[in-house]
Protein backbone atom coordinates (compact mmCIF):
# COMPACT_ATOMS: atom_id res chain seq x y z
CA UNK A 1 13.24 3.03 3.10
CA UNK A 2 12.66 3.92 6.43
CA UNK A 3 15.30 5.12 8.66
CA UNK A 4 16.88 2.11 10.69
CA UNK A 5 16.34 4.23 13.91
CA UNK A 6 19.24 2.71 16.11
CA UNK A 7 20.55 5.63 18.44
CA UNK A 8 23.19 8.23 17.55
CA UNK A 9 26.59 7.51 17.99
CA UNK A 10 27.64 11.09 19.29
CA UNK A 11 24.62 11.83 20.41
CA UNK A 12 23.98 15.57 21.75
CA UNK A 13 22.31 17.80 24.48
CA UNK A 14 18.87 16.32 23.16
CA UNK A 15 19.89 12.53 23.41
CA UNK A 16 21.42 13.39 27.07
CA UNK A 17 18.28 14.61 28.62
CA UNK A 18 16.33 11.64 26.93
CA UNK A 19 18.79 9.31 28.25
CA UNK A 20 18.25 10.86 32.27
CA UNK A 21 14.83 10.86 31.49
CA UNK A 22 15.11 6.90 31.19
CA UNK A 23 17.60 6.90 34.02
CA UNK A 24 14.48 8.25 35.77
CA UNK A 25 12.38 6.13 35.05
CA UNK A 26 14.34 3.02 35.43
CA UNK A 27 15.35 4.23 38.92
CA UNK A 28 10.94 3.93 39.83
CA UNK A 29 11.06 0.80 38.30
CA UNK A 30 14.44 -1.03 39.08
CA UNK A 31 12.77 -4.27 38.22
CA UNK A 32 10.46 -2.91 35.12
CA UNK A 33 6.93 -3.30 35.55
CA UNK A 34 4.90 -6.62 36.76
CA UNK A 35 2.35 -8.19 34.42
CA UNK A 36 -0.34 -6.37 36.53
CA UNK A 37 1.32 -2.87 35.76
CA UNK A 38 1.79 -3.34 31.71
CA UNK A 39 -1.84 -4.80 31.36
CA UNK A 40 -2.94 -2.16 33.06
CA UNK A 41 -0.79 0.13 30.54
CA UNK A 42 -2.46 -1.79 27.76
CA UNK A 43 -6.00 -1.19 28.89
CA UNK A 44 -8.97 -3.36 28.97
CA UNK A 45 -8.71 -6.63 26.47
CA UNK A 46 -11.50 -6.43 24.03
CA UNK A 47 -11.07 -8.96 21.56
CA UNK A 48 -14.82 -8.02 19.92
CA UNK A 49 -13.81 -4.45 19.10
CA UNK A 50 -11.39 -5.94 16.72
CA UNK A 51 -14.17 -7.54 14.93
CA UNK A 52 -16.76 -6.29 12.81
CA UNK A 53 -19.57 -7.95 10.10
CA UNK A 54 -18.97 -6.82 6.71
CA UNK A 55 -21.48 -5.61 4.60
CA UNK A 56 -22.26 -6.12 1.12
CA UNK A 57 -22.61 -4.55 -2.44
CA UNK A 58 -24.29 -7.54 -4.70
CA UNK A 59 -24.07 -5.39 -7.70
CA UNK A 60 -20.30 -5.63 -7.95
CA UNK A 61 -20.50 -9.42 -7.27
CA UNK A 62 -19.57 -11.77 -10.58
CA UNK A 63 -21.89 -14.38 -10.54
CA UNK A 64 -24.86 -11.93 -9.97
CA UNK A 65 -23.56 -9.97 -13.32
CA UNK A 66 -23.47 -13.02 -15.11
CA UNK A 67 -25.73 -15.29 -13.76
CA UNK A 68 -22.96 -17.44 -14.17
CA UNK A 69 -21.94 -19.81 -10.27
CA UNK A 70 -18.73 -20.96 -11.95
CA UNK A 71 -17.08 -17.61 -12.43
CA UNK A 72 -15.77 -16.99 -8.98
CA UNK A 73 -16.23 -18.26 -6.06
CA UNK A 74 -13.81 -16.80 -4.09
CA UNK A 75 -15.65 -15.29 -1.16
CA UNK A 76 -17.29 -18.68 -0.61
CA UNK A 77 -14.30 -20.58 -0.49
CA UNK A 78 -12.44 -18.87 1.89
CA UNK A 79 -15.42 -18.45 4.77
CA UNK A 80 -14.02 -20.99 7.63
CA UNK A 81 -18.60 -21.21 8.74
CA UNK A 82 -20.25 -21.40 5.14
CA UNK A 83 -21.70 -17.98 5.83
CA UNK A 84 -21.93 -16.32 2.91
CA UNK A 85 -24.70 -17.26 0.47
CA UNK A 86 -25.07 -15.97 -3.32
CA UNK A 87 -28.25 -15.69 -4.63
CA UNK A 88 -30.01 -14.72 -8.19
CA UNK A 89 -29.69 -10.80 -6.86
CA UNK A 90 -28.23 -10.47 -3.79
CA UNK A 91 -25.13 -11.85 -0.92
CA UNK A 92 -26.29 -12.74 2.25
CA UNK A 93 -24.41 -13.03 5.24
CA UNK A 94 -25.78 -15.31 7.90
CA UNK A 95 -25.52 -14.94 11.78
CA UNK A 96 -22.93 -17.93 11.83
CA UNK A 97 -20.43 -15.27 10.38
CA UNK A 98 -17.07 -15.20 12.71
CA UNK A 99 -16.07 -11.62 11.63
CA UNK A 100 -12.62 -12.80 10.29
CA UNK A 101 -12.75 -10.38 7.35
CA UNK A 102 -11.07 -13.01 5.20
CA UNK A 103 -14.05 -12.13 2.44
CA UNK A 104 -12.39 -8.54 1.89
CA UNK A 105 -9.26 -9.24 -0.21
CA UNK A 106 -11.08 -12.33 -1.29
CA UNK A 107 -13.25 -10.91 -3.18
CA UNK A 108 -11.73 -8.99 -6.90
CA UNK A 109 -14.39 -6.80 -7.06
CA UNK A 110 -15.43 -4.83 -3.68
CA UNK A 111 -18.21 -6.67 -2.50
CA UNK A 112 -17.34 -7.16 0.88
CA UNK A 113 -16.34 -3.89 3.58
CA UNK A 114 -16.30 -2.19 6.78
CA UNK A 115 -14.51 -0.06 8.62
CA UNK A 116 -11.42 -1.14 10.15
CA UNK A 117 -10.26 -3.62 7.41
CA UNK A 118 -9.64 -2.27 4.09
CA UNK A 119 -6.66 -2.89 2.24
CA UNK A 120 -5.86 1.20 2.73
CA UNK A 121 -7.33 1.11 6.22
CA UNK A 122 -5.06 -1.66 7.04
CA UNK A 123 -2.05 -0.32 5.30
CA UNK A 124 -2.00 2.98 7.22
CA UNK A 125 -2.46 1.52 10.69
CA UNK A 126 0.74 -0.76 10.33
CA UNK A 127 2.50 2.24 8.68
CA UNK A 128 2.14 4.22 11.61
CA UNK A 129 3.39 1.48 14.03
CA UNK A 130 6.37 0.76 11.98
CA UNK A 131 7.40 4.33 11.46
CA UNK A 132 7.63 4.90 15.33
CA UNK A 133 8.82 1.28 16.63
CA UNK A 134 11.72 -0.96 15.44
CA UNK A 135 9.95 -3.42 15.12
CA UNK A 136 5.66 -4.09 13.92
CA UNK A 137 3.84 -6.83 14.28
CA UNK A 138 0.58 -7.97 12.38
CA UNK A 139 -1.24 -10.53 14.86
CA UNK A 140 -4.92 -11.74 15.30
CA UNK A 141 -6.88 -11.92 18.90
CA UNK A 142 -6.73 -15.31 19.36
CA UNK A 143 -2.87 -15.13 19.35
CA UNK A 144 -2.82 -12.28 21.54
CA UNK A 145 -5.54 -13.12 24.33
CA UNK A 146 -5.39 -9.87 25.81
CA UNK A 147 -4.89 -5.66 25.11
CA UNK A 148 -2.17 -5.23 22.48
CA UNK A 149 1.37 -3.04 22.91
CA UNK A 150 1.07 0.14 21.12
CA UNK A 151 3.49 -1.47 18.21
CA UNK A 152 1.00 -4.53 18.02
CA UNK A 153 -1.79 -4.35 14.88
CA UNK A 154 -4.57 -6.97 15.86
CA UNK A 155 -7.01 -8.08 13.47
CA UNK A 156 -9.59 -10.45 13.27
CA UNK A 157 -7.95 -12.61 11.44
CA UNK A 158 -3.82 -12.15 9.99
CA UNK A 159 -5.43 -13.49 6.72
CA UNK A 160 -6.92 -10.41 6.06
CA UNK A 161 -3.86 -8.66 5.32
CA UNK A 162 -4.08 -8.59 0.69
CA UNK A 163 -1.27 -8.94 -0.60
CA UNK A 164 -1.13 -5.37 -2.10
CA UNK A 165 -1.03 -3.85 1.75
CA UNK A 166 1.60 -6.23 2.42
CA UNK A 167 3.35 -5.49 -0.69
CA UNK A 168 3.05 -1.28 -0.61
CA UNK A 169 4.54 -1.86 3.34
CA UNK A 170 7.44 -4.01 2.45
CA UNK A 171 8.10 -1.39 -0.21
CA UNK A 172 8.62 1.50 2.62
CA UNK A 173 9.58 -0.36 5.27
CA UNK A 174 11.85 -3.15 6.51
CA UNK A 175 10.64 -3.69 10.28
CA UNK A 176 7.64 -5.93 9.19
CA UNK A 177 6.55 -8.96 11.28
CA UNK A 178 3.87 -11.47 11.85
CA UNK A 179 3.17 -12.98 15.26
CA UNK A 180 1.72 -16.21 15.62
CA UNK A 181 2.24 -18.59 18.81
CA UNK A 182 3.42 -21.94 17.39
CA UNK A 183 0.14 -24.32 16.28
CA UNK A 184 -2.55 -21.32 16.91
CA UNK A 185 -4.05 -21.14 14.02
CA UNK A 186 -4.22 -25.40 14.18
CA UNK A 187 -6.88 -24.63 17.24
CA UNK A 188 -8.89 -21.92 15.32
CA UNK A 189 -12.05 -21.88 13.75
CA UNK A 190 -11.15 -20.09 11.21
CA UNK A 191 -9.99 -22.79 9.44
CA UNK A 192 -8.70 -20.81 6.42
CA UNK A 193 -7.15 -17.87 7.53
CA UNK A 194 -3.34 -19.63 7.47
CA UNK A 195 -3.55 -20.29 4.32
CA UNK A 196 -5.11 -16.87 3.22
CA UNK A 197 -2.25 -15.29 4.71
CA UNK A 198 0.77 -17.53 3.29
CA UNK A 199 -0.80 -16.56 -0.21
CA UNK A 200 -0.75 -13.31 0.89
CA UNK A 201 2.81 -13.30 2.02
CA UNK A 202 3.80 -15.03 -0.88
CA UNK A 203 2.99 -12.75 -3.38
CA UNK A 204 4.21 -10.05 -1.44
CA UNK A 205 7.31 -11.05 -1.00
CA UNK A 206 8.12 -12.45 -4.48
CA UNK A 207 6.79 -8.89 -5.81
CA UNK A 208 8.68 -7.28 -3.76
CA UNK A 209 11.70 -9.02 -3.53
CA UNK A 210 11.69 -8.52 0.37
CA UNK A 211 10.75 -10.56 3.57
CA UNK A 212 7.70 -10.55 6.31
CA UNK A 213 8.90 -11.36 9.35
CA UNK A 214 7.70 -13.82 11.53
CA UNK A 215 8.45 -14.02 15.27
CA UNK A 216 6.21 -17.41 17.58
CA UNK A 217 7.40 -16.18 21.22
CA UNK A 218 6.22 -13.62 22.72
CA UNK A 219 8.83 -13.05 25.05
CA UNK A 220 10.91 -11.89 21.68
CA UNK A 221 8.94 -9.24 20.53
CA UNK A 222 10.64 -6.14 20.46
CA UNK A 223 8.46 -2.52 21.62
CA UNK A 224 11.67 -0.39 21.12
CA UNK A 225 10.69 2.85 19.98
CA UNK A 226 12.35 3.97 16.96
CA UNK A 227 15.77 6.83 18.74
CA UNK A 228 14.42 9.20 15.71
CA UNK A 229 10.76 9.47 16.96
CA UNK A 230 11.33 9.18 20.51
CA UNK A 231 13.63 12.37 19.79
CA UNK A 232 11.27 14.21 18.21
CA UNK A 233 8.38 13.45 20.52
CA UNK A 234 10.56 14.65 23.52
CA UNK A 235 11.26 17.69 22.17
CA UNK A 236 8.28 18.18 20.60
CA UNK A 237 7.36 17.65 24.48
CA UNK A 238 9.63 20.27 25.85
CA UNK A 239 8.51 22.64 23.43
CA UNK A 240 4.64 22.34 24.69
CA UNK A 241 3.77 22.21 20.51
CA UNK A 242 1.27 21.69 18.88
CA UNK A 243 1.46 18.21 17.00
CA UNK A 244 2.16 20.13 13.40
CA UNK A 245 5.08 22.34 15.47
CA UNK A 246 8.45 21.89 13.64
CA UNK A 247 11.61 21.16 15.33
CA UNK A 248 15.16 22.98 15.57
CA UNK A 249 16.79 22.19 12.23
CA UNK A 250 14.10 21.50 10.23
CA UNK A 251 12.60 18.26 11.69
CA UNK A 252 8.95 17.34 12.52
CA UNK A 253 7.48 15.55 15.67
CA UNK A 254 7.88 12.04 14.88
CA UNK A 255 3.66 11.29 14.48
CA UNK A 256 3.52 14.71 12.26
CA UNK A 257 6.01 12.61 10.29
CA UNK A 258 4.24 9.66 9.90
CA UNK A 259 1.27 11.11 9.28
CA UNK A 260 2.19 13.81 7.04
CA UNK A 261 3.73 10.27 4.89
CA UNK A 262 0.87 8.68 5.00
CA UNK A 263 -1.40 11.87 4.00
CA UNK A 264 0.84 12.04 1.08
CA UNK A 265 0.38 8.12 0.25
CA UNK A 266 -2.89 8.78 -0.29
CA UNK A 267 -3.04 11.90 -2.06
CA UNK A 268 -0.62 10.03 -4.58
CA UNK A 269 -3.37 7.31 -4.83
CA UNK A 270 -6.51 9.43 -4.83
CA UNK A 271 -4.38 11.19 -7.81
CA UNK A 272 -4.51 7.65 -9.78
CA UNK A 273 -8.18 7.71 -10.55
CA UNK A 274 -7.73 11.15 -12.30
CA UNK A 275 -4.73 10.33 -14.29
CA UNK A 276 -6.02 6.81 -15.07
CA UNK A 277 -9.01 8.96 -16.10
CA UNK A 278 -6.85 10.71 -18.53
CA UNK A 279 -5.21 7.77 -20.30
CA UNK A 280 -8.29 5.74 -21.02
CA UNK A 281 -10.75 7.66 -20.17
CA UNK A 282 -13.14 7.83 -17.29
CA UNK A 283 -16.18 6.16 -18.90
CA UNK A 284 -16.32 2.72 -21.49
CA UNK A 285 -18.09 3.34 -24.93
CA UNK A 286 -21.40 3.00 -23.20
CA UNK A 287 -20.67 5.84 -20.91
CA UNK A 288 -20.49 3.86 -18.03
CA UNK A 289 -17.63 4.72 -15.20
CA UNK A 290 -14.86 2.47 -15.40
CA UNK A 291 -14.26 1.36 -11.38
CA UNK A 292 -10.17 1.11 -9.81
CA UNK A 293 -10.69 -1.73 -7.13
CA UNK A 294 -9.20 -0.92 -3.69
CA UNK A 295 -6.38 -3.66 -4.32
CA UNK A 296 -5.75 -2.54 -7.59
CA UNK A 297 -5.06 0.93 -6.92
CA UNK A 298 -2.52 0.04 -3.68
CA UNK A 299 -0.49 -2.12 -6.74
CA UNK A 300 -0.08 0.66 -8.89
CA UNK A 301 0.46 2.99 -6.58
CA UNK A 302 3.43 0.97 -5.46
CA UNK A 303 4.24 0.95 -9.01
CA UNK A 304 4.01 4.22 -9.60
CA UNK A 305 6.43 5.00 -7.06
CA UNK A 306 8.88 1.79 -7.69
CA UNK A 307 8.50 0.98 -11.67
CA UNK A 308 11.73 -1.66 -11.31
CA UNK A 309 8.96 -3.51 -9.44
CA UNK A 310 6.88 -4.05 -12.68
CA UNK A 311 8.41 -6.96 -14.01
CA UNK A 312 7.36 -8.48 -11.26
CA UNK A 313 3.94 -8.29 -11.76
CA UNK A 314 1.95 -10.64 -14.01
CA UNK A 315 -1.49 -10.80 -14.94
CA UNK A 316 -4.25 -11.36 -17.88
CA UNK A 317 -6.49 -9.60 -19.75
CA UNK A 318 -9.52 -10.22 -22.19
CA UNK A 319 -8.19 -10.55 -25.98
CA UNK A 320 -11.02 -10.89 -28.75
CA UNK A 321 -11.15 -13.10 -31.95
CA UNK A 322 -12.63 -10.17 -34.39
CA UNK A 323 -13.96 -13.15 -36.56
CA UNK A 324 -16.04 -14.68 -34.30
CA UNK A 325 -17.33 -11.38 -31.89
CA UNK A 326 -20.86 -10.50 -33.25
CA UNK A 327 -20.77 -6.97 -31.46
CA UNK A 328 -23.40 -8.49 -29.29
CA UNK A 329 -21.94 -6.50 -26.20
CA UNK A 330 -22.59 -9.47 -23.57
CA UNK A 331 -19.02 -8.78 -22.74
CA UNK A 332 -19.86 -5.47 -21.70
CA UNK A 333 -22.47 -6.31 -19.35
CA UNK A 334 -20.95 -8.70 -17.44
CA UNK A 335 -17.87 -6.79 -16.26
CA UNK A 336 -19.37 -4.96 -13.02
CA UNK A 337 -16.42 -2.14 -12.64
CA UNK A 338 -17.08 -1.37 -17.16
CA UNK A 339 -13.39 -2.44 -18.07
CA UNK A 340 -13.97 -3.78 -21.24
CA UNK A 341 -16.67 -2.34 -23.70
CA UNK A 342 -16.99 -2.82 -27.67
CA UNK A 343 -16.95 0.68 -29.39
CA UNK A 344 -18.92 2.13 -32.35
CA UNK A 345 -16.41 0.49 -35.02
CA UNK A 346 -17.51 -2.69 -33.40
CA UNK A 347 -14.12 -3.14 -31.57
CA UNK A 348 -13.62 -5.13 -28.21
CA UNK A 349 -11.34 -2.69 -25.93
CA UNK A 350 -10.45 -3.36 -22.37
CA UNK A 351 -8.94 -1.10 -20.27
CA UNK A 352 -5.38 -2.97 -18.77
CA UNK A 353 -5.29 -1.14 -15.43
CA UNK A 354 -8.86 -1.80 -14.41
CA UNK A 355 -9.27 -5.56 -15.27
CA UNK A 356 -8.74 -7.62 -12.84
CA UNK A 357 -8.68 -10.67 -15.14
CA UNK A 358 -11.82 -12.66 -13.38
CA UNK A 359 -12.79 -13.56 -16.71
CA UNK A 360 -16.28 -12.71 -16.19
CA UNK A 361 -17.07 -11.07 -20.14
CA UNK A 362 -14.99 -14.88 -21.72
CA UNK A 363 -17.44 -16.46 -19.44
CA UNK A 364 -20.36 -14.32 -21.02
CA UNK A 365 -19.41 -14.36 -24.53
CA UNK A 366 -21.53 -16.45 -26.17
CA UNK A 367 -19.59 -17.19 -29.40
CA UNK A 368 -16.33 -17.69 -27.20
CA UNK A 369 -14.72 -15.10 -29.17
CA UNK A 370 -12.49 -14.48 -25.90
CA UNK A 371 -9.64 -15.50 -24.36
CA UNK A 372 -7.59 -14.62 -21.47
CA UNK A 373 -3.92 -13.70 -22.62
CA UNK A 374 -0.91 -12.41 -20.70
CA UNK A 375 -1.10 -8.34 -20.37
CA UNK A 376 1.92 -5.93 -20.76
CA UNK A 377 2.89 -4.54 -17.66
CA UNK A 378 3.33 -1.81 -18.56
CA UNK A 379 -0.23 -0.42 -18.56
CA UNK A 380 0.01 -0.31 -15.13
CA UNK A 381 2.30 2.14 -14.77
CA UNK A 382 0.83 5.22 -14.06
CA UNK A 383 3.26 8.76 -15.21
CA UNK A 384 3.05 10.91 -11.99
CA UNK A 385 1.92 14.49 -13.15
CA UNK A 386 3.77 16.19 -10.73
CA UNK A 387 6.56 14.42 -10.44
CA UNK A 388 7.15 14.74 -14.47
CA UNK A 389 5.87 18.86 -14.21
CA UNK A 390 8.91 18.70 -11.39
CA UNK A 391 11.49 16.59 -13.59
CA UNK A 392 10.34 19.26 -16.91
CA UNK A 393 11.07 22.07 -14.57
CA UNK A 394 14.77 20.65 -13.56
CA UNK A 395 15.97 19.88 -16.96
CA UNK A 396 14.73 23.58 -17.90
CA UNK A 397 17.09 24.79 -14.87
CA UNK A 398 19.66 22.68 -15.78
CA UNK A 399 19.37 23.46 -19.41
CA UNK A 400 19.69 27.16 -18.45
CA UNK A 401 22.89 26.52 -15.79
CA UNK A 402 24.21 24.65 -18.68
CA UNK A 403 23.87 27.82 -21.28
CA UNK A 404 25.43 30.08 -18.59
CA UNK A 405 28.03 27.68 -17.33
CA UNK A 406 29.32 27.56 -21.81
CA UNK A 407 28.73 31.54 -22.17
CA UNK A 408 30.87 32.20 -19.10
CA UNK A 409 33.58 29.78 -20.45
CA UNK A 410 33.20 31.79 -23.81
CA UNK A 411 33.66 34.91 -21.99
CA UNK A 412 36.46 34.01 -19.72
CA UNK A 413 38.52 32.81 -22.80
CA UNK A 414 37.40 35.77 -24.62
CA UNK A 415 39.23 37.71 -21.73
CA UNK A 416 42.34 34.81 -21.74
CA UNK A 417 42.94 35.79 -25.46
CA UNK A 418 42.88 39.58 -24.68
CA UNK A 419 45.14 38.95 -21.77
CA UNK A 420 47.20 36.73 -24.10
CA UNK A 421 46.87 39.48 -27.34
CA UNK A 422 48.37 41.91 -24.92
CA UNK A 423 51.55 40.08 -23.48
CA UNK A 424 52.36 39.23 -26.87
CA UNK A 425 52.09 43.02 -28.12
CA UNK A 426 54.22 44.69 -25.21
CA UNK A 427 56.70 42.08 -26.03
CA UNK A 428 56.97 42.89 -29.81
CA UNK A 429 57.25 46.47 -28.54
CA UNK A 430 60.45 45.64 -26.49
């Protein structure tokens, strides 16, 4: 969990200097900034900069891969203006697109993407704010209506946050809130956004056991900087250091500490691919590269760090009735991420960590040999190789310390026995 950010009860010289600086600011502006001054500080309001038409990767689409229009319609269902058309071999996004970003998290196969609203990008943007401020708010352009304060993350629609991003954030921070004035969604043309947000929050809260805050009054928004962050940045400014300078006592500057934390998380997520390759194989039986989807990578990353949450996760994978399977390979052809295959012995296999439970293989099987069944959540737990090495090293060190302690006790006891023997000998002579 992130620190609470409360001011230290026993402040030192640095805290005194911060207090003096803040007092001087208050003297220069005793009544607080006017609304015009605040707007000037925020900068110009450009809602369009938060919106972008998504790009598509049609080869990943379930409907195109299987030729079955009934296998998936997530993007079409979530689009509020029917701007998405799925053809026989391509997906088209028309000019009607509102650039709300809802199709990106809705698609289980990463068909849609843009530069700013991928699950990991949203996570990192919110994490930067949550680490620096007492409260972090997620909102949309319609709800805000002006350039945001530094601790407000603006999205084209709040429903564009996937549950895996929220889950990862809730396990790291306890200060995430959604800012939506009462009735704002009722007046929005992005009619499916509120439902998408509700479902995303419900899933994230169920998996994490924690809650997302909700604020409807803009005047009640808390823009307070965390004391620990303000302290670190203040010292960095005094020292005239680079952003990576280490403070007295080994405390890294606030911005650098947050950046380091995010980079460590990115490195850990990227290592998942290599670890999964070693566990289940980088390719299937037909030597096709398996694909770990963005949302699944975030989920596994959370479980890798918090394995105690695995019991909250439930998902399904295909199971095969071998008596009906003709080894035709239709299931393997239908899976865009190559999570399943039929090996050289005619056995159906599925890599549960990669499988997103779409059911495309079930629909494609001409013999009806496949059906979806609950999976073992343990299949999503990927051991952290570096942590395992650290644990192994600690175990060796502990064993060596215990050995030295035992050896020391043994020698001490021998010394005591020797001294006791000397005392006994002296008494006999006397």
